Amino acid sequence: MEEEINIGELLIQITEENQTRKILALLNEYKNLEEAKEKVEALLNK
């Protein structure tokens, strides 16, 4: 049972890291923070 919990925690960690990488990629893609915010909001509203 402990292994299942560790796998679940690992999946959560990997998911959080991937979200952070996606946010960083979006921030680097746009000229300013306002454009990046609009893009993130648009993705959330899909």
N, C-alpha and C. Protein backbone atom coordinates (compact mmCIF):
# COMPACT_ATOMS: atom_id res chain seq x y z
N MET A 1 0.83 -1.20 0.00
CA MET A 1 0.00 0.00 0.00
C MET A 1 0.87 1.25 0.00
N GLU A 2 1.98 1.21 0.70
CA GLU A 2 2.87 2.37 0.76
C GLU A 2 3.40 2.72 -0.63
N GLU A 3 3.67 1.69 -1.46
CA GLU A 3 4.15 1.96 -2.82
C GLU A 3 3.11 2.72 -3.62
N GLU A 4 1.83 2.39 -3.47
CA GLU A 4 0.78 3.08 -4.19
C GLU A 4 0.74 4.55 -3.80
N ILE A 5 0.90 4.84 -2.54
CA ILE A 5 0.91 6.22 -2.08
C ILE A 5 2.11 6.94 -2.67
N ASN A 6 3.26 6.31 -2.67
CA ASN A 6 4.45 6.94 -3.23
C ASN A 6 4.29 7.21 -4.72
N ILE A 7 3.66 6.27 -5.43
CA ILE A 7 3.43 6.48 -6.86
C ILE A 7 2.47 7.65 -7.05
N GLY A 8 1.43 7.74 -6.24
CA GLY A 8 0.49 8.84 -6.32
C GLY A 8 1.17 10.17 -6.05
N GLU A 9 2.01 10.21 -5.03
CA GLU A 9 2.74 11.43 -4.70
C GLU A 9 3.69 11.81 -5.84
N LEU A 10 4.32 10.82 -6.45
CA LEU A 10 5.22 11.07 -7.57
C LEU A 10 4.45 11.65 -8.75
N LEU A 11 3.27 11.10 -9.03
CA LEU A 11 2.45 11.61 -10.12
C LEU A 11 2.04 13.06 -9.87
N ILE A 12 1.69 13.38 -8.63
CA ILE A 12 1.33 14.75 -8.28
C ILE A 12 2.53 15.67 -8.51
N GLN A 13 3.70 15.24 -8.07
CA GLN A 13 4.91 16.05 -8.22
C GLN A 13 5.22 16.29 -9.70
N ILE A 14 5.14 15.25 -10.49
CA ILE A 14 5.43 15.38 -11.93
C ILE A 14 4.41 16.30 -12.61
N THR A 15 3.15 16.16 -12.22
CA THR A 15 2.10 17.02 -12.79
C THR A 15 2.36 18.48 -12.45
N GLU A 16 2.71 18.75 -11.20
CA GLU A 16 2.99 20.13 -10.79
C GLU A 16 4.20 20.69 -11.53
N GLU A 17 5.23 19.87 -11.72
CA GLU A 17 6.41 20.32 -12.46
C GLU A 17 6.05 20.63 -13.91
N ASN A 18 5.23 19.79 -14.51
CA ASN A 18 4.82 20.01 -15.90
C ASN A 18 3.99 21.28 -16.04
N GLN A 19 3.11 21.55 -15.07
CA GLN A 19 2.33 22.77 -15.10
C GLN A 19 3.25 23.99 -15.01
N THR A 20 4.24 23.91 -14.15
CA THR A 20 5.18 25.01 -13.99
C THR A 20 5.96 25.24 -15.28
N ARG A 21 6.37 24.17 -15.93
CA ARG A 21 7.10 24.29 -17.20
C ARG A 21 6.22 24.93 -18.28
N LYS A 22 4.94 24.54 -18.32
CA LYS A 22 4.02 25.13 -19.30
C LYS A 22 3.83 26.61 -19.04
N ILE A 23 3.69 26.99 -17.78
CA ILE A 23 3.54 28.41 -17.44
C ILE A 23 4.78 29.18 -17.85
N LEU A 24 5.95 28.65 -17.57
CA LEU A 24 7.19 29.31 -17.96
C LEU A 24 7.28 29.46 -19.47
N ALA A 25 6.90 28.43 -20.20
CA ALA A 25 6.93 28.50 -21.66
C ALA A 25 5.99 29.59 -22.16
N LEU A 26 4.80 29.70 -21.57
CA LEU A 26 3.86 30.75 -21.96
C LEU A 26 4.44 32.13 -21.66
N LEU A 27 5.04 32.29 -20.50
CA LEU A 27 5.60 33.58 -20.14
C LEU A 27 6.71 33.99 -21.11
N ASN A 28 7.49 33.04 -21.55
CA ASN A 28 8.57 33.33 -22.49
C ASN A 28 8.07 33.62 -23.90
N GLU A 29 6.86 33.15 -24.19
CA GLU A 29 6.31 33.28 -25.54
C GLU A 29 5.74 34.67 -25.81
N TYR A 30 5.32 35.37 -24.77
CA TYR A 30 4.64 36.64 -24.95
C TYR A 30 5.50 37.83 -24.55
N LYS A 31 5.18 38.98 -25.14
CA LYS A 31 5.97 40.18 -24.94
C LYS A 31 5.87 40.72 -23.52
N ASN A 32 4.68 40.57 -22.94
CA ASN A 32 4.50 41.13 -21.60
C ASN A 32 3.60 40.22 -20.76
N LEU A 33 3.54 40.54 -19.50
CA LEU A 33 2.79 39.73 -18.56
C LEU A 33 1.29 39.75 -18.88
N GLU A 34 0.79 40.87 -19.33
CA GLU A 34 -0.65 40.97 -19.63
C GLU A 34 -1.04 40.00 -20.74
N GLU A 35 -0.25 39.91 -21.80
CA GLU A 35 -0.53 38.96 -22.88
C GLU A 35 -0.49 37.52 -22.36
N ALA A 36 0.47 37.24 -21.53
CA ALA A 36 0.60 35.89 -20.96
C ALA A 36 -0.61 35.56 -20.09
N LYS A 37 -1.05 36.51 -19.29
CA LYS A 37 -2.23 36.29 -18.43
C LYS A 37 -3.45 35.98 -19.28
N GLU A 38 -3.63 36.74 -20.35
CA GLU A 38 -4.77 36.52 -21.23
C GLU A 38 -4.74 35.13 -21.84
N LYS A 39 -3.57 34.67 -22.24
CA LYS A 39 -3.43 33.34 -22.83
C LYS A 39 -3.76 32.25 -21.80
N VAL A 40 -3.25 32.41 -20.59
CA VAL A 40 -3.52 31.42 -19.54
C VAL A 40 -5.02 31.40 -19.23
N GLU A 41 -5.64 32.55 -19.11
CA GLU A 41 -7.08 32.62 -18.85
C GLU A 41 -7.86 31.95 -19.97
N ALA A 42 -7.45 32.17 -21.20
CA ALA A 42 -8.13 31.54 -22.34
C ALA A 42 -8.00 30.02 -22.28
N LEU A 43 -6.85 29.53 -21.88
CA LEU A 43 -6.67 28.08 -21.76
C LEU A 43 -7.53 27.51 -20.65
N LEU A 44 -7.67 28.25 -19.56
CA LEU A 44 -8.49 27.79 -18.44
C LEU A 44 -9.98 27.77 -18.79
N ASN A 45 -10.38 28.65 -19.69
CA ASN A 45 -11.80 28.76 -20.05
C ASN A 45 -12.20 27.84 -21.20
N LYS A 46 -11.31 27.00 -21.68
CA LYS A 46 -11.64 26.08 -22.78
C LYS A 46 -12.70 25.12 -22.37
